[in-house]
N, C-alpha and C. Protein backbone atom coordinates (compact mmCIF):
# COMPACT_ATOMS: atom_id res chain seq x y z
N UNK A 1 99.38 173.68 217.56
CA UNK A 1 100.27 174.81 217.29
C UNK A 1 100.08 175.85 218.40
N UNK A 2 101.16 176.37 218.88
CA UNK A 2 101.09 177.36 219.96
C UNK A 2 100.93 178.76 219.40
N UNK A 3 100.56 179.70 220.28
CA UNK A 3 100.45 181.10 219.87
C UNK A 3 101.80 181.61 219.37
N UNK A 4 102.88 181.21 220.02
CA UNK A 4 104.22 181.64 219.59
C UNK A 4 104.55 181.13 218.19
N UNK A 5 104.16 179.89 217.91
CA UNK A 5 104.41 179.33 216.57
C UNK A 5 103.59 180.07 215.52
N UNK A 6 102.34 180.38 215.85
CA UNK A 6 101.50 181.14 214.91
C UNK A 6 102.08 182.53 214.69
N UNK A 7 102.49 183.19 215.78
CA UNK A 7 103.03 184.55 215.68
C UNK A 7 104.32 184.58 214.87
N UNK A 8 105.11 183.51 214.96
CA UNK A 8 106.35 183.46 214.17
C UNK A 8 106.07 183.38 212.68
N UNK A 9 104.96 182.76 212.32
CA UNK A 9 104.62 182.61 210.90
C UNK A 9 103.77 183.75 210.37
N UNK A 10 102.92 184.32 211.23
CA UNK A 10 101.97 185.35 210.79
C UNK A 10 102.23 186.67 211.51
N UNK A 11 102.55 187.71 210.75
CA UNK A 11 102.87 189.00 211.37
C UNK A 11 101.80 189.56 212.29
N UNK A 12 100.53 189.25 212.04
CA UNK A 12 99.45 189.80 212.85
C UNK A 12 99.58 189.38 214.32
N UNK A 13 100.36 188.35 214.58
CA UNK A 13 100.60 187.93 215.95
C UNK A 13 101.58 188.81 216.69
N UNK A 14 102.14 189.79 215.99
CA UNK A 14 103.14 190.67 216.58
C UNK A 14 102.84 192.14 216.32
N UNK A 15 101.65 192.57 216.65
CA UNK A 15 101.28 193.98 216.44
C UNK A 15 102.04 194.83 217.45
N UNK A 16 102.60 195.93 216.96
CA UNK A 16 103.30 196.90 217.82
C UNK A 16 102.65 198.26 217.60
N UNK A 17 102.65 199.05 218.66
CA UNK A 17 102.20 200.43 218.56
C UNK A 17 103.44 201.31 218.56
N UNK A 18 103.63 202.06 217.47
CA UNK A 18 104.82 202.94 217.37
C UNK A 18 104.36 204.38 217.16
N UNK A 19 105.18 205.34 217.58
CA UNK A 19 104.81 206.74 217.36
C UNK A 19 104.51 207.01 215.87
N UNK A 20 103.45 207.75 215.62
CA UNK A 20 102.99 208.01 214.25
C UNK A 20 104.08 208.64 213.39
N UNK A 21 104.95 209.46 213.98
CA UNK A 21 105.98 210.11 213.17
C UNK A 21 107.11 209.17 212.75
N UNK A 22 107.02 207.91 213.15
CA UNK A 22 108.01 206.91 212.72
C UNK A 22 107.48 206.00 211.62
N UNK A 23 106.25 206.25 211.17
CA UNK A 23 105.65 205.44 210.11
C UNK A 23 105.54 206.32 208.86
N UNK A 24 106.16 205.85 207.77
CA UNK A 24 106.29 206.68 206.57
C UNK A 24 105.77 205.97 205.33
N UNK A 25 105.30 206.77 204.38
CA UNK A 25 104.82 206.25 203.10
C UNK A 25 105.97 205.67 202.29
N UNK A 26 105.65 204.72 201.43
CA UNK A 26 106.65 204.24 200.47
C UNK A 26 106.59 205.14 199.25
N UNK A 27 107.50 204.93 198.31
CA UNK A 27 107.52 205.79 197.12
C UNK A 27 107.06 205.04 195.87
N UNK A 28 106.29 203.96 196.07
CA UNK A 28 105.86 203.18 194.91
C UNK A 28 104.39 202.79 194.94
N UNK A 29 103.62 203.24 195.90
CA UNK A 29 102.21 202.84 195.99
C UNK A 29 101.40 203.55 194.92
N UNK A 30 100.75 202.76 194.09
CA UNK A 30 99.95 203.33 192.99
C UNK A 30 98.47 203.41 193.32
N UNK A 31 98.11 203.03 194.53
CA UNK A 31 96.70 203.03 194.93
C UNK A 31 96.23 204.45 195.25
N UNK A 32 95.10 204.82 194.71
CA UNK A 32 94.52 206.14 194.98
C UNK A 32 93.11 205.93 195.54
N UNK A 33 92.74 206.79 196.47
CA UNK A 33 91.42 206.71 197.08
C UNK A 33 90.75 208.07 196.91
N UNK A 34 89.52 208.05 196.42
CA UNK A 34 88.77 209.28 196.20
C UNK A 34 88.43 209.95 197.53
N UNK A 35 88.24 211.27 197.52
CA UNK A 35 87.91 211.99 198.76
C UNK A 35 86.71 211.43 199.52
N UNK A 36 85.69 210.98 198.80
CA UNK A 36 84.50 210.43 199.46
C UNK A 36 84.87 209.18 200.26
N UNK A 37 85.70 208.32 199.67
CA UNK A 37 86.12 207.11 200.37
C UNK A 37 87.07 207.43 201.52
N UNK A 38 87.88 208.47 201.38
CA UNK A 38 88.76 208.87 202.49
C UNK A 38 87.92 209.35 203.67
N UNK A 39 86.85 210.08 203.38
CA UNK A 39 85.96 210.53 204.45
C UNK A 39 85.29 209.33 205.11
N UNK A 40 84.89 208.35 204.30
CA UNK A 40 84.28 207.14 204.83
C UNK A 40 85.28 206.35 205.68
N UNK A 41 86.53 206.34 205.27
CA UNK A 41 87.56 205.65 206.05
C UNK A 41 87.68 206.29 207.44
N UNK A 42 87.69 207.61 207.49
CA UNK A 42 87.74 208.29 208.79
C UNK A 42 86.51 207.95 209.63
N UNK A 43 85.34 207.95 209.01
CA UNK A 43 84.11 207.59 209.72
C UNK A 43 84.20 206.17 210.25
N UNK A 44 84.69 205.28 209.41
CA UNK A 44 84.83 203.87 209.81
C UNK A 44 85.74 203.73 211.02
N UNK A 45 86.89 204.40 211.00
CA UNK A 45 87.82 204.29 212.12
C UNK A 45 87.23 204.94 213.37
N UNK A 46 86.53 206.06 213.20
CA UNK A 46 85.90 206.71 214.35
C UNK A 46 84.85 205.81 214.99
N UNK A 47 84.06 205.12 214.17
CA UNK A 47 82.97 204.29 214.67
C UNK A 47 83.43 202.92 215.13
N UNK A 48 84.36 202.31 214.38
CA UNK A 48 84.72 200.92 214.62
C UNK A 48 86.10 200.74 215.24
N UNK A 49 86.89 201.81 215.30
CA UNK A 49 88.26 201.69 215.77
C UNK A 49 89.16 201.20 214.64
N UNK A 50 90.44 201.05 214.95
CA UNK A 50 91.40 200.53 213.98
C UNK A 50 91.30 199.02 214.06
N UNK A 51 90.87 198.40 212.97
CA UNK A 51 90.64 196.97 212.98
C UNK A 51 91.75 196.17 212.31
N UNK A 52 92.67 196.87 211.64
CA UNK A 52 93.77 196.19 210.97
C UNK A 52 95.06 196.97 211.19
N UNK A 53 96.13 196.28 211.53
CA UNK A 53 97.40 196.99 211.67
C UNK A 53 97.95 197.38 210.30
N UNK A 54 98.87 198.31 210.30
CA UNK A 54 99.54 198.74 209.08
C UNK A 54 100.69 197.78 208.82
N UNK A 55 100.80 197.30 207.59
CA UNK A 55 101.88 196.39 207.23
C UNK A 55 103.10 197.24 206.84
N UNK A 56 104.23 196.97 207.46
CA UNK A 56 105.43 197.78 207.23
C UNK A 56 106.68 196.90 207.09
N UNK A 57 107.76 197.56 206.68
CA UNK A 57 109.11 197.00 206.78
C UNK A 57 109.93 198.02 207.55
N UNK A 58 110.95 197.57 208.23
CA UNK A 58 111.80 198.52 208.94
C UNK A 58 112.62 199.30 207.91
N UNK A 59 112.73 200.60 208.11
CA UNK A 59 113.47 201.48 207.21
C UNK A 59 114.96 201.18 207.37
N UNK A 60 115.59 200.76 206.28
CA UNK A 60 117.01 200.40 206.32
C UNK A 60 117.89 201.59 206.68
N UNK A 61 117.48 202.79 206.32
CA UNK A 61 118.29 203.98 206.55
C UNK A 61 118.01 204.64 207.90
N UNK A 62 116.88 204.31 208.52
CA UNK A 62 116.51 204.93 209.79
C UNK A 62 115.99 203.87 210.75
N UNK A 63 116.87 203.28 211.51
CA UNK A 63 116.41 202.27 212.48
C UNK A 63 115.32 202.84 213.40
N UNK A 64 114.32 202.03 213.68
CA UNK A 64 113.21 202.47 214.53
C UNK A 64 112.13 203.20 213.76
N UNK A 65 112.31 203.35 212.44
CA UNK A 65 111.31 203.94 211.56
C UNK A 65 110.83 202.85 210.61
N UNK A 66 109.60 203.02 210.10
CA UNK A 66 108.99 201.95 209.32
C UNK A 66 108.37 202.51 208.05
N UNK A 67 108.51 201.76 206.95
CA UNK A 67 107.97 202.14 205.65
C UNK A 67 106.73 201.29 205.40
N UNK A 68 105.66 201.93 204.98
CA UNK A 68 104.38 201.26 204.77
C UNK A 68 104.41 200.38 203.52
N UNK A 69 103.97 199.15 203.68
CA UNK A 69 103.73 198.24 202.56
C UNK A 69 102.25 198.27 202.22
N UNK A 70 101.40 198.23 203.25
CA UNK A 70 99.95 198.32 203.06
C UNK A 70 99.37 199.09 204.24
N UNK A 71 98.50 200.06 203.92
CA UNK A 71 97.84 200.81 204.97
C UNK A 71 98.15 202.30 204.93
N UNK A 72 98.65 202.78 203.79
CA UNK A 72 98.97 204.21 203.69
C UNK A 72 97.77 205.08 204.01
N UNK A 73 96.61 204.76 203.44
CA UNK A 73 95.43 205.63 203.62
C UNK A 73 94.93 205.61 205.06
N UNK A 74 95.00 204.43 205.71
CA UNK A 74 94.64 204.37 207.12
C UNK A 74 95.60 205.22 207.95
N UNK A 75 96.90 205.09 207.65
CA UNK A 75 97.91 205.87 208.38
C UNK A 75 97.69 207.35 208.16
N UNK A 76 97.50 207.74 206.92
CA UNK A 76 97.28 209.15 206.58
C UNK A 76 96.06 209.70 207.33
N UNK A 77 94.99 208.91 207.34
CA UNK A 77 93.76 209.33 208.01
C UNK A 77 93.98 209.51 209.50
N UNK A 78 94.65 208.57 210.12
CA UNK A 78 94.91 208.65 211.57
C UNK A 78 95.80 209.85 211.88
N UNK A 79 96.87 210.01 211.12
CA UNK A 79 97.82 211.11 211.38
C UNK A 79 97.18 212.48 211.20
N UNK A 80 96.22 212.58 210.28
CA UNK A 80 95.64 213.88 209.94
C UNK A 80 94.29 214.16 210.58
N UNK A 81 93.86 213.30 211.47
CA UNK A 81 92.62 213.51 212.18
C UNK A 81 92.96 213.60 213.67
N UNK A 82 92.93 214.80 214.24
CA UNK A 82 93.35 214.97 215.64
C UNK A 82 92.60 214.05 216.62
N UNK A 83 91.31 213.83 216.38
CA UNK A 83 90.55 212.96 217.27
C UNK A 83 91.06 211.52 217.21
N UNK A 84 91.32 211.04 215.99
CA UNK A 84 91.83 209.68 215.84
C UNK A 84 93.23 209.55 216.44
N UNK A 85 94.08 210.51 216.13
CA UNK A 85 95.45 210.44 216.63
C UNK A 85 95.47 210.48 218.16
N UNK A 86 94.63 211.31 218.75
CA UNK A 86 94.55 211.37 220.21
C UNK A 86 94.06 210.05 220.78
N UNK A 87 93.14 209.40 220.07
CA UNK A 87 92.58 208.14 220.57
C UNK A 87 93.61 207.01 220.60
N UNK A 88 94.70 207.17 219.84
CA UNK A 88 95.74 206.14 219.81
C UNK A 88 96.96 206.55 220.64
N UNK A 89 96.86 207.69 221.31
CA UNK A 89 98.01 208.16 222.07
C UNK A 89 99.16 208.56 221.15
N UNK A 90 98.82 208.95 219.91
CA UNK A 90 99.83 209.38 218.96
C UNK A 90 100.59 208.24 218.29
N UNK A 91 100.05 207.04 218.40
CA UNK A 91 100.74 205.87 217.84
C UNK A 91 99.92 205.22 216.73
N UNK A 92 100.61 204.39 215.96
CA UNK A 92 100.00 203.64 214.87
C UNK A 92 100.26 202.15 215.13
N UNK A 93 99.24 201.29 214.97
CA UNK A 93 99.49 199.85 215.13
C UNK A 93 100.11 199.29 213.85
N UNK A 94 101.26 198.63 213.99
CA UNK A 94 101.94 198.09 212.81
C UNK A 94 102.31 196.62 213.03
N UNK A 95 102.51 195.95 211.92
CA UNK A 95 103.21 194.68 211.90
C UNK A 95 104.38 194.89 210.95
N UNK A 96 105.46 194.16 211.20
CA UNK A 96 106.67 194.31 210.40
C UNK A 96 106.93 193.00 209.67
N UNK A 97 107.13 193.12 208.36
CA UNK A 97 107.53 191.96 207.56
C UNK A 97 108.94 192.22 207.05
N UNK A 98 109.63 191.18 206.71
CA UNK A 98 110.98 191.32 206.15
C UNK A 98 110.92 190.94 204.69
N UNK A 99 111.08 191.94 203.83
CA UNK A 99 110.97 191.73 202.38
C UNK A 99 111.98 192.61 201.66
N UNK A 100 112.45 192.13 200.51
CA UNK A 100 113.28 192.96 199.64
C UNK A 100 112.38 194.00 198.99
N UNK A 101 112.96 194.99 198.36
CA UNK A 101 112.18 196.05 197.74
C UNK A 101 111.21 195.49 196.69
N UNK A 102 111.66 194.55 195.86
CA UNK A 102 110.77 193.98 194.85
C UNK A 102 109.63 193.20 195.50
N UNK A 103 109.95 192.44 196.54
CA UNK A 103 108.91 191.70 197.25
C UNK A 103 107.93 192.64 197.94
N UNK A 104 108.44 193.77 198.44
CA UNK A 104 107.56 194.78 199.07
C UNK A 104 106.58 195.34 198.06
N UNK A 105 107.11 195.70 196.88
CA UNK A 105 106.24 196.26 195.85
C UNK A 105 105.18 195.24 195.44
N UNK A 106 105.58 193.99 195.30
CA UNK A 106 104.62 192.94 194.96
C UNK A 106 103.58 192.79 196.07
N UNK A 107 104.02 192.85 197.32
CA UNK A 107 103.09 192.73 198.45
C UNK A 107 102.10 193.89 198.45
N UNK A 108 102.57 195.10 198.14
CA UNK A 108 101.67 196.26 198.08
C UNK A 108 100.59 196.04 197.02
N UNK A 109 100.99 195.57 195.85
CA UNK A 109 100.02 195.32 194.78
C UNK A 109 99.04 194.22 195.19
N UNK A 110 99.56 193.14 195.78
CA UNK A 110 98.66 192.05 196.21
C UNK A 110 97.65 192.55 197.23
N UNK A 111 98.11 193.32 198.21
CA UNK A 111 97.18 193.85 199.21
C UNK A 111 96.11 194.74 198.56
N UNK A 112 96.54 195.60 197.66
CA UNK A 112 95.59 196.51 197.00
C UNK A 112 94.58 195.75 196.15
N UNK A 113 95.04 194.80 195.37
CA UNK A 113 94.16 194.09 194.45
C UNK A 113 93.27 193.08 195.15
N UNK A 114 93.72 192.56 196.27
CA UNK A 114 92.95 191.53 196.98
C UNK A 114 91.71 192.09 197.66
N UNK A 115 91.64 193.40 197.83
CA UNK A 115 90.49 193.99 198.52
C UNK A 115 89.20 193.85 197.74
N UNK A 116 89.27 193.80 196.43
CA UNK A 116 88.06 193.67 195.63
C UNK A 116 87.25 194.94 195.64
N UNK A 117 86.06 194.84 195.08
CA UNK A 117 85.16 195.98 195.00
C UNK A 117 83.77 195.54 195.44
N UNK A 118 82.98 196.49 195.91
CA UNK A 118 81.61 196.19 196.29
C UNK A 118 80.78 196.04 195.02
N UNK A 119 79.97 194.99 194.97
CA UNK A 119 79.10 194.81 193.81
C UNK A 119 77.86 195.68 193.98
N UNK A 120 77.30 196.08 192.86
CA UNK A 120 76.08 196.88 192.88
C UNK A 120 74.96 196.08 193.53
N UNK A 121 74.89 194.79 193.21
CA UNK A 121 73.83 193.94 193.78
C UNK A 121 73.96 193.88 195.30
N UNK A 122 75.18 193.68 195.79
CA UNK A 122 75.39 193.61 197.23
C UNK A 122 75.05 194.92 197.93
N UNK A 123 75.46 196.03 197.33
CA UNK A 123 75.16 197.34 197.92
C UNK A 123 73.65 197.60 197.89
N UNK A 124 73.00 197.23 196.79
CA UNK A 124 71.55 197.41 196.69
C UNK A 124 70.84 196.63 197.77
N UNK A 125 71.26 195.40 197.98
CA UNK A 125 70.65 194.55 199.00
C UNK A 125 70.84 195.15 200.39
N UNK A 126 72.04 195.65 200.66
CA UNK A 126 72.33 196.26 201.96
C UNK A 126 71.45 197.48 202.19
N UNK A 127 71.35 198.34 201.17
CA UNK A 127 70.52 199.54 201.27
C UNK A 127 69.06 199.16 201.50
N UNK A 128 68.58 198.17 200.78
CA UNK A 128 67.19 197.73 200.93
C UNK A 128 66.93 197.28 202.37
N UNK A 129 67.84 196.47 202.92
CA UNK A 129 67.67 195.98 204.29
C UNK A 129 67.70 197.14 205.29
N UNK A 130 68.58 198.10 205.06
CA UNK A 130 68.65 199.26 205.96
C UNK A 130 67.35 200.05 205.92
N UNK A 131 66.81 200.23 204.72
CA UNK A 131 65.53 200.95 204.59
C UNK A 131 64.41 200.17 205.28
N UNK A 132 64.38 198.87 205.08
CA UNK A 132 63.37 198.04 205.73
C UNK A 132 63.48 198.10 207.25
N UNK A 133 64.70 198.30 207.75
CA UNK A 133 64.92 198.38 209.20
C UNK A 133 64.69 199.78 209.75
N UNK A 134 64.20 200.67 208.91
CA UNK A 134 63.81 201.99 209.39
C UNK A 134 64.88 203.07 209.30
N UNK A 135 65.99 202.81 208.63
CA UNK A 135 67.01 203.84 208.50
C UNK A 135 66.51 204.95 207.57
N UNK A 136 66.87 206.16 207.89
CA UNK A 136 66.54 207.31 207.04
C UNK A 136 67.60 207.44 205.94
N UNK A 137 67.19 208.02 204.81
CA UNK A 137 68.10 208.20 203.69
C UNK A 137 69.39 208.92 204.11
N UNK A 138 69.25 209.98 204.87
CA UNK A 138 70.42 210.77 205.27
C UNK A 138 71.40 209.93 206.09
N UNK A 139 70.88 209.11 206.99
CA UNK A 139 71.75 208.25 207.81
C UNK A 139 72.46 207.21 206.95
N UNK A 140 71.75 206.64 205.99
CA UNK A 140 72.37 205.66 205.10
C UNK A 140 73.51 206.31 204.32
N UNK A 141 73.25 207.48 203.76
CA UNK A 141 74.28 208.19 203.00
C UNK A 141 75.50 208.48 203.86
N UNK A 142 75.27 208.94 205.08
CA UNK A 142 76.37 209.28 205.98
C UNK A 142 77.18 208.05 206.36
N UNK A 143 76.49 206.99 206.75
CA UNK A 143 77.17 205.79 207.25
C UNK A 143 77.88 205.01 206.14
N UNK A 144 77.34 205.05 204.93
CA UNK A 144 77.94 204.30 203.83
C UNK A 144 78.76 205.17 202.89
N UNK A 145 78.86 206.46 203.19
CA UNK A 145 79.66 207.35 202.35
C UNK A 145 79.11 207.51 200.95
N UNK A 146 77.80 207.66 200.85
CA UNK A 146 77.14 207.76 199.55
C UNK A 146 76.55 209.14 199.33
N UNK A 147 76.43 209.50 198.08
CA UNK A 147 75.72 210.70 197.68
C UNK A 147 74.23 210.35 197.56
N UNK A 148 73.32 211.32 197.79
CA UNK A 148 71.88 211.02 197.67
C UNK A 148 71.50 210.43 196.31
N UNK A 149 72.14 210.88 195.24
CA UNK A 149 71.82 210.37 193.90
C UNK A 149 72.15 208.89 193.80
N UNK A 150 73.26 208.48 194.43
CA UNK A 150 73.65 207.07 194.41
C UNK A 150 72.62 206.23 195.17
N UNK A 151 72.15 206.75 196.30
CA UNK A 151 71.13 206.05 197.08
C UNK A 151 69.86 205.88 196.26
N UNK A 152 69.44 206.93 195.56
CA UNK A 152 68.23 206.86 194.73
C UNK A 152 68.38 205.75 193.68
N UNK A 153 69.54 205.68 193.05
CA UNK A 153 69.77 204.64 192.03
C UNK A 153 69.70 203.25 192.65
N UNK A 154 70.31 203.08 193.82
CA UNK A 154 70.28 201.78 194.48
C UNK A 154 68.87 201.41 194.93
N UNK A 155 68.11 202.41 195.36
CA UNK A 155 66.72 202.15 195.74
C UNK A 155 65.93 201.64 194.53
N UNK A 156 66.18 202.25 193.40
CA UNK A 156 65.49 201.84 192.18
C UNK A 156 65.90 200.42 191.80
N UNK A 157 67.19 200.11 191.88
CA UNK A 157 67.67 198.78 191.52
C UNK A 157 67.09 197.69 192.41
N UNK A 158 66.85 198.00 193.67
CA UNK A 158 66.33 196.99 194.60
C UNK A 158 64.86 196.72 194.37
N UNK A 159 64.22 197.59 193.64
CA UNK A 159 62.79 197.44 193.47
C UNK A 159 62.03 198.04 194.65
N UNK A 160 62.72 198.87 195.44
CA UNK A 160 62.08 199.48 196.60
C UNK A 160 60.79 200.19 196.19
N UNK A 161 60.83 200.85 195.02
CA UNK A 161 59.64 201.56 194.56
C UNK A 161 58.52 200.58 194.18
N UNK A 162 58.88 199.35 193.74
CA UNK A 162 57.87 198.37 193.36
C UNK A 162 57.07 197.89 194.56
N UNK A 163 57.62 198.03 195.75
CA UNK A 163 56.88 197.64 196.95
C UNK A 163 55.56 198.39 197.07
N UNK A 164 55.50 199.55 196.43
CA UNK A 164 54.34 200.41 196.60
C UNK A 164 53.51 200.55 195.33
N UNK A 165 53.79 199.74 194.28
CA UNK A 165 53.07 199.92 193.03
C UNK A 165 51.59 199.56 193.13
N UNK A 166 51.22 198.63 194.00
CA UNK A 166 49.81 198.27 194.16
C UNK A 166 49.21 198.84 195.44
N UNK A 167 49.93 199.73 196.05
CA UNK A 167 49.45 200.30 197.31
C UNK A 167 48.45 201.40 197.04
N UNK A 168 47.51 201.54 197.96
CA UNK A 168 46.57 202.64 197.89
C UNK A 168 47.29 203.86 198.46
N UNK A 169 47.42 204.89 197.66
CA UNK A 169 48.18 206.05 198.09
C UNK A 169 47.33 206.97 198.95
N UNK A 170 47.93 207.42 200.00
CA UNK A 170 47.31 208.37 200.91
C UNK A 170 48.26 209.54 201.02
N UNK A 171 47.97 210.46 201.91
CA UNK A 171 48.85 211.60 202.09
C UNK A 171 50.23 211.17 202.59
N UNK A 172 50.29 210.07 203.33
CA UNK A 172 51.56 209.58 203.84
C UNK A 172 51.55 208.07 203.84
N UNK A 173 52.70 207.45 203.70
CA UNK A 173 52.80 206.01 203.79
C UNK A 173 53.77 205.68 204.92
N UNK A 174 53.68 204.45 205.39
CA UNK A 174 54.53 204.03 206.50
C UNK A 174 55.30 202.78 206.10
N UNK A 175 56.48 202.63 206.68
CA UNK A 175 57.31 201.45 206.43
C UNK A 175 56.92 200.35 207.40
N UNK A 176 57.42 199.14 207.14
CA UNK A 176 57.17 198.03 208.06
C UNK A 176 57.69 198.37 209.46
N UNK A 177 58.83 199.03 209.50
CA UNK A 177 59.42 199.40 210.78
C UNK A 177 58.50 200.36 211.54
N UNK A 178 57.92 201.33 210.84
CA UNK A 178 57.00 202.26 211.49
C UNK A 178 55.76 201.55 212.02
N UNK A 179 55.27 200.56 211.27
CA UNK A 179 54.12 199.77 211.72
C UNK A 179 54.48 199.01 212.99
N UNK A 180 55.71 198.42 213.02
CA UNK A 180 56.15 197.70 214.21
C UNK A 180 56.22 198.63 215.42
N UNK A 181 56.70 199.82 215.22
CA UNK A 181 56.80 200.80 216.31
C UNK A 181 55.40 201.17 216.81
N UNK A 182 54.48 201.42 215.87
CA UNK A 182 53.10 201.76 216.25
C UNK A 182 52.46 200.64 217.05
N UNK A 183 52.68 199.40 216.62
CA UNK A 183 52.11 198.25 217.34
C UNK A 183 52.71 198.15 218.74
N UNK A 184 54.01 198.36 218.86
CA UNK A 184 54.67 198.29 220.17
C UNK A 184 54.15 199.37 221.09
N UNK A 185 53.96 200.57 220.56
CA UNK A 185 53.43 201.68 221.35
C UNK A 185 52.00 201.40 221.79
N UNK A 186 51.19 200.84 220.88
CA UNK A 186 49.80 200.53 221.20
C UNK A 186 49.73 199.44 222.28
N UNK A 187 50.66 198.48 222.21
CA UNK A 187 50.68 197.40 223.22
C UNK A 187 51.05 197.95 224.59
N UNK A 188 51.92 198.95 224.64
CA UNK A 188 52.30 199.57 225.91
C UNK A 188 51.13 200.32 226.52
N UNK A 189 50.39 201.01 225.65
CA UNK A 189 49.31 201.86 226.12
C UNK A 189 48.03 201.12 226.47
N UNK A 190 47.93 199.93 226.06
CA UNK A 190 46.73 199.26 226.51
C UNK A 190 46.18 198.35 225.52
C-alpha cells in the first residue's frame, strides 16, 4: 500500500495547518474538562508539542472554515495561550473528515468515550517509579497535574511508606536515587 492510498483512507495522512480563527467549536459537544486537566493540557502541549491534529468537518456555511468534531479543548488551549499560539504561527493542525451532522455527533461521542480513564493502580505505579527515580513531590504534582493530597493518597496506595517500616530511623533518610548519586560522586572523587 502506498502513502497516497493510506492517506486517502486515513485522515491523519492529510494534516493541514489553518489559521486558528477558522477553526470553530461545534454546538453539540457534551465533553467537559475540569480546570486542573485544562492546565495539564496546556503543560502537555508546552512540553511535548501538539501530538494530534484536530478532527474537523468543513463548515457548510463558511467555506475555508472548519467545525471541530474532536479536539475542542486542545484548540481552546492553543487559541487562548499566547505562547502556544505563537509557536504554531497562529495556526491549528487539522484533519478534515466528510460526515453528516448525525455521523459527526456520533464521531464526537466515540472520540470522547474511546479515551478511557487513568486507573488508580496505573497512576500509583507511575508515581512510585517517579519517586524511586528521585523526582520531588512538587515536580510530580506539576508534571502530572495533581494536588499534593492526591499524591499523598497515591503514595500510600503504592506502599511507598511500607518501604521504610523496618528501617532504622535517623534524622534524615535517603532514597535509592540519592544513594546512587552519592556513590557516583564518591567514585569521581577517588
